[in-house]
Protein backbone atom coordinates (compact mmCIF):
# COMPACT_ATOMS: atom_id res chain seq x y z
CA UNK A 1 -20.04 10.46 8.68
CA UNK A 2 -21.56 7.46 10.45
CA UNK A 3 -25.36 7.40 10.59
CA UNK A 4 -27.48 7.60 13.73
CA UNK A 5 -27.88 3.80 13.62
CA UNK A 6 -24.64 3.40 15.51
CA UNK A 7 -23.32 1.14 18.23
CA UNK A 8 -20.83 2.49 20.75
CA UNK A 9 -18.55 0.08 22.59
CA UNK A 10 -15.84 0.95 25.09
CA UNK A 11 -12.93 -1.42 25.57
CA UNK A 12 -10.73 -0.08 28.34
CA UNK A 13 -9.17 3.15 27.11
CA UNK A 14 -10.42 2.65 23.53
CA UNK A 15 -13.86 3.49 22.15
CA UNK A 16 -15.40 2.02 18.99
CA UNK A 17 -18.37 3.66 17.25
CA UNK A 18 -19.75 1.83 14.23
CA UNK A 19 -22.81 0.86 12.29
CA UNK A 20 -24.13 -2.64 12.85
CA UNK A 21 -21.97 -5.13 10.95
CA UNK A 22 -23.83 -6.77 8.08
CA UNK A 23 -21.27 -9.49 7.35
CA UNK A 24 -21.65 -12.92 8.93
CA UNK A 25 -18.57 -14.21 10.81
CA UNK A 26 -16.34 -11.80 8.88
CA UNK A 27 -12.63 -11.82 8.25
CA UNK A 28 -11.15 -8.79 10.04
CA UNK A 29 -8.10 -7.08 8.53
CA UNK A 30 -5.89 -4.82 10.62
CA UNK A 31 -3.77 -2.31 8.68
CA UNK A 32 -1.92 0.03 11.02
CA UNK A 33 1.17 1.96 9.83
CA UNK A 34 4.58 0.57 10.66
CA UNK A 35 7.63 -0.50 8.67
CA UNK A 36 7.26 0.79 5.11
CA UNK A 37 3.67 1.81 5.90
CA UNK A 38 2.81 -1.58 4.43
CA UNK A 39 -0.18 -2.27 6.67
CA UNK A 40 -1.65 1.15 5.97
CA UNK A 41 -0.98 1.05 2.21
CA UNK A 42 -2.32 -2.48 1.72
CA UNK A 43 -5.36 -1.82 3.92
CA UNK A 44 -6.27 1.39 2.11
CA UNK A 45 -5.85 -0.28 -1.27
CA UNK A 46 -8.12 -3.16 -0.27
CA UNK A 47 -10.73 -0.64 0.91
CA UNK A 48 -10.53 1.28 -2.37
CA UNK A 49 -10.60 -1.74 -4.66
CA UNK A 50 -13.45 -3.47 -2.82
CA UNK A 51 -15.32 -0.15 -2.56
CA UNK A 52 -15.77 -0.97 1.12
CA UNK A 53 -18.25 1.17 3.07
CA UNK A 54 -17.06 3.45 5.84
CA UNK A 55 -18.90 2.25 8.95
CA UNK A 56 -17.16 3.67 11.99
CA UNK A 57 -14.17 4.84 13.97
CA UNK A 58 -11.89 3.81 16.80
CA UNK A 59 -10.88 6.56 19.21
CA UNK A 60 -9.07 7.04 22.50
CA UNK A 61 -7.93 9.85 24.76
CA UNK A 62 -4.44 8.44 24.21
CA UNK A 63 -4.54 8.87 20.41
CA UNK A 64 -2.83 11.92 18.88
CA UNK A 65 -5.19 14.94 19.14
CA UNK A 66 -5.76 15.49 15.44
CA UNK A 67 -8.22 15.10 12.57
CA UNK A 68 -7.38 13.84 9.09
CA UNK A 69 -8.25 16.01 6.09
CA UNK A 70 -8.56 14.56 2.59
CA UNK A 71 -9.56 17.03 -0.12
CA UNK A 72 -10.87 19.24 2.67
CA UNK A 73 -13.04 16.53 4.21
CA UNK A 74 -12.41 15.78 7.87
CA UNK A 75 -12.29 12.25 9.22
CA UNK A 76 -10.93 10.26 12.14
CA UNK A 77 -7.36 8.91 12.12
CA UNK A 78 -8.56 5.34 12.78
CA UNK A 79 -11.46 4.17 10.65
CA UNK A 80 -13.46 1.00 10.05
CA UNK A 81 -14.77 -0.21 6.70
CA UNK A 82 -16.86 -3.17 5.60
CA UNK A 83 -17.19 -5.13 2.37
CA UNK A 84 -20.35 -7.17 2.76
CA UNK A 85 -19.75 -8.79 -0.64
CA UNK A 86 -16.38 -10.20 0.48
CA UNK A 87 -17.43 -10.67 4.11
CA UNK A 88 -14.55 -8.52 5.30
CA UNK A 89 -14.08 -5.74 7.84
CA UNK A 90 -10.98 -3.53 7.59
CA UNK A 91 -9.53 -1.37 10.36
CA UNK A 92 -7.01 1.20 9.15
CA UNK A 93 -5.03 3.94 10.83
CA UNK A 94 -3.55 7.01 9.15
CA UNK A 95 -1.35 7.85 12.14
CA UNK A 96 1.47 6.12 13.94
CA UNK A 97 0.55 5.26 17.51
CA UNK A 98 3.01 5.19 20.37
CA UNK A 99 4.34 1.65 21.06
CA UNK A 100 3.13 1.91 24.67
CA UNK A 101 -0.46 1.90 23.33
CA UNK A 102 -0.04 -1.41 21.48
CA UNK A 103 -1.46 -3.59 24.26
CA UNK A 104 -4.59 -1.49 24.88
CA UNK A 105 -5.32 -0.89 21.19
CA UNK A 106 -4.73 -4.53 20.23
CA UNK A 107 -6.90 -5.79 23.07
CA UNK A 108 -9.68 -3.40 22.00
CA UNK A 109 -9.40 -4.52 18.37
CA UNK A 110 -9.70 -8.18 19.30
CA UNK A 111 -12.45 -7.52 21.87
CA UNK A 112 -14.46 -5.75 19.18
CA UNK A 113 -13.68 -8.42 16.61
CA UNK A 114 -15.01 -11.07 18.98
CA UNK A 115 -18.17 -9.00 19.42
CA UNK A 116 -18.81 -9.22 15.66
CA UNK A 117 -17.99 -12.96 15.57
CA UNK A 118 -14.70 -12.71 13.68
CA UNK A 119 -13.82 -15.89 11.81
CA UNK A 120 -10.19 -14.99 11.07
CA UNK A 121 -7.98 -12.02 11.91
CA UNK A 122 -5.39 -10.84 9.38
CA UNK A 123 -2.62 -8.53 10.56
CA UNK A 124 -0.57 -6.81 7.84
CA UNK A 125 2.88 -5.37 8.55
CA UNK A 126 6.36 -5.00 7.12
CA UNK A 127 9.71 -6.63 7.71
CA UNK A 128 13.10 -5.16 6.80
CA UNK A 129 15.66 -7.42 5.11
CA UNK A 130 18.69 -6.79 2.94
CA UNK A 131 17.87 -9.57 0.45
CA UNK A 132 16.49 -7.24 -2.22
CA UNK A 133 13.62 -9.67 -2.77
CA UNK A 134 9.89 -9.06 -2.42
CA UNK A 135 8.73 -12.03 -0.42
CA UNK A 136 5.72 -12.12 1.84
CA UNK A 137 6.48 -13.79 5.15
CA UNK A 138 3.64 -15.50 6.95
CA UNK A 139 2.86 -16.65 10.45
CA UNK A 140 -0.27 -18.00 12.08
CA UNK A 141 -1.76 -18.88 15.44
CA UNK A 142 -2.14 -22.59 14.65
CA UNK A 143 -0.77 -25.30 12.38
CA UNK A 144 -3.96 -25.52 10.28
CA UNK A 145 -3.60 -21.88 9.25
CA UNK A 146 0.09 -22.38 8.51
CA UNK A 147 -0.92 -25.15 6.11
CA UNK A 148 -3.40 -22.72 4.55
CA UNK A 149 -0.79 -20.04 3.83
CA UNK A 150 2.45 -21.99 3.28
CA UNK A 151 1.93 -22.30 -0.48
CA UNK A 152 1.57 -18.54 -0.89
CA UNK A 153 4.02 -17.15 1.68
CA UNK A 154 7.45 -17.85 3.09
CA UNK A 155 6.81 -19.10 6.60
CA UNK A 156 8.48 -16.81 9.14
CA UNK A 157 10.29 -19.55 11.03
CA UNK A 158 11.75 -17.52 13.91
CA UNK A 159 11.77 -13.89 14.94
CA UNK A 160 9.49 -11.21 16.38
CA UNK A 161 6.56 -9.12 15.18
CA UNK A 162 6.52 -5.78 16.92
CA UNK A 163 3.89 -3.15 17.67
CA UNK A 164 0.16 -3.50 17.16
CA UNK A 165 0.47 -6.32 14.55
CA UNK A 166 2.40 -8.43 17.05
CA UNK A 167 0.10 -7.61 19.96
CA UNK A 168 -2.99 -8.43 17.88
CA UNK A 169 -1.58 -11.86 17.06
CA UNK A 170 -0.75 -12.52 20.72
CA UNK A 171 -4.33 -11.63 21.70
CA UNK A 172 -5.68 -13.95 19.00
CA UNK A 173 -3.39 -16.75 20.16
CA UNK A 174 -4.42 -16.28 23.79
CA UNK A 175 -8.13 -16.43 22.89
CA UNK A 176 -7.86 -19.23 20.31
CA UNK A 177 -8.99 -16.90 17.51
CA UNK A 178 -7.61 -17.90 14.09
CA UNK A 179 -5.00 -15.28 13.22
CA UNK A 180 -2.66 -14.79 10.26
CA UNK A 181 0.25 -12.35 10.07
CA UNK A 182 1.38 -11.25 6.59
CA UNK A 183 4.69 -9.39 6.48
CA UNK A 184 5.76 -7.60 3.31
CA UNK A 185 9.50 -7.66 2.76
CA UNK A 186 11.12 -4.25 2.33
CA UNK A 187 14.62 -2.79 2.59
CA UNK A 188 13.93 0.41 4.53
CA UNK A 189 11.41 2.40 6.58
CA UNK A 190 10.33 4.33 3.45
CA UNK A 191 6.77 3.84 2.11
CA UNK A 192 6.83 0.69 -0.04
CA UNK A 193 3.75 0.14 -2.24
CA UNK A 194 5.51 -2.73 -4.04
CA UNK A 195 5.78 -4.69 -0.80
CA UNK A 196 2.14 -3.87 -0.05
CA UNK A 197 1.20 -5.13 -3.51
CA UNK A 198 2.89 -8.45 -2.79
CA UNK A 199 0.88 -8.79 0.43
CA UNK A 200 -2.36 -8.12 -1.46
CA UNK A 201 -1.37 -10.70 -4.08
CA UNK A 202 -0.81 -13.24 -1.30
CA UNK A 203 -4.25 -12.45 0.09
CA UNK A 204 -5.74 -12.90 -3.38
CA UNK A 205 -4.30 -16.41 -3.48
CA UNK A 206 -5.18 -17.37 0.10
CA UNK A 207 -8.76 -16.08 0.02
CA UNK A 208 -9.68 -16.39 -3.64
CA UNK A 209 -9.86 -12.63 -4.16
CA UNK A 210 -9.14 -10.68 -7.33
CA UNK A 211 -7.86 -7.34 -6.08
CA UNK A 212 -5.95 -5.46 -8.77
CA UNK A 213 -2.56 -4.13 -7.66
CA UNK A 214 -1.63 -2.06 -10.74
CA UNK A 215 -2.35 1.21 -8.91
CA UNK A 216 0.07 0.21 -6.16
CA UNK A 217 2.79 -0.52 -8.73
CA UNK A 218 2.23 2.89 -10.34
CA UNK A 219 2.41 4.55 -6.91
CA UNK A 220 5.70 2.73 -6.29
CA UNK A 221 7.10 3.95 -9.59
CA UNK A 222 6.01 7.52 -8.82
CA UNK A 223 7.66 7.42 -5.39
CA UNK A 224 10.84 5.96 -6.85
CA UNK A 225 10.99 8.72 -9.47
CA UNK A 226 10.41 11.37 -6.81
CA UNK A 227 13.12 9.96 -4.56
CA UNK A 228 15.51 9.71 -7.51
CA UNK A 229 14.75 13.33 -8.40
CA UNK A 230 15.38 14.46 -4.83
CA UNK A 231 18.64 12.50 -4.70
CA UNK A 232 19.83 14.14 -7.91
CA UNK A 233 18.92 17.60 -6.62
CA UNK A 234 20.80 16.97 -3.38
CA UNK A 235 23.80 15.68 -5.36
CA UNK A 236 23.89 18.82 -7.51
CA UNK A 237 23.42 21.06 -4.48
CA UNK A 238 19.92 22.20 -5.40
CA UNK A 239 17.38 22.99 -2.70
CA UNK A 240 15.17 19.91 -2.68
CA UNK A 241 11.63 20.29 -1.32
CA UNK A 242 10.65 17.63 1.20
CA UNK A 243 8.45 14.70 0.17
CA UNK A 244 5.02 15.61 1.52
CA UNK A 245 1.83 13.75 2.34
CA UNK A 246 0.38 15.29 -0.82
CA UNK A 247 3.00 13.35 -2.77
CA UNK A 248 1.90 10.25 -0.84
CA UNK A 249 -1.79 11.08 -1.01
CA UNK A 250 -3.03 7.50 -0.87
CA UNK A 251 -1.60 7.10 2.62
CA UNK A 252 -3.30 10.14 4.16
């Protein structure tokens, strides 16, 4: 839980409760679930690998009325972590939010990020293609940032970014806050740790990090084996149990 040394800020319909940020002009990473759960998977992996400290929550009367349990421990669906060593703050959600909430949630995220003197905002999401490749597409709110990422991403020349990741980037653009969108390429809506791993690799290159992605690759292999097993059971007419959140424990 968050300690008594806690700030509470209300941004419209969204409330943020957190410890005082220790980082100076931090990079803020937004990892909300969407296509392939890539934002959620990558965000959670970054938190784990950096051993980031849990510092707070984001909540709203419009969020789903639920609590998240992990090994019996209750937590909020939308949490905030900080890595003082890497000067990073990570916001991650374990639940899908209704698209109609994107504007209010994104505005609250950027309002709060401005309050902590964000230096750059990174929004992680997924993009579906049929290429079979594992590219990371990149976009940014200004040409200087495009120059910064063009060596390590495929610039997303034209298209749309939907949901909270898109709304966050629009808010950053409107307020002249440096913002980068990293889109992991995937072929379906299914959880895709491989695509998330590619996004983390791109971040390693852009920001000089050294976040190991081997665990993500192993998770991808485990999911692929499980899906293959289910497909074979369906083919042979066996009763196949559904893939549960326990099977995808790192996303819960």
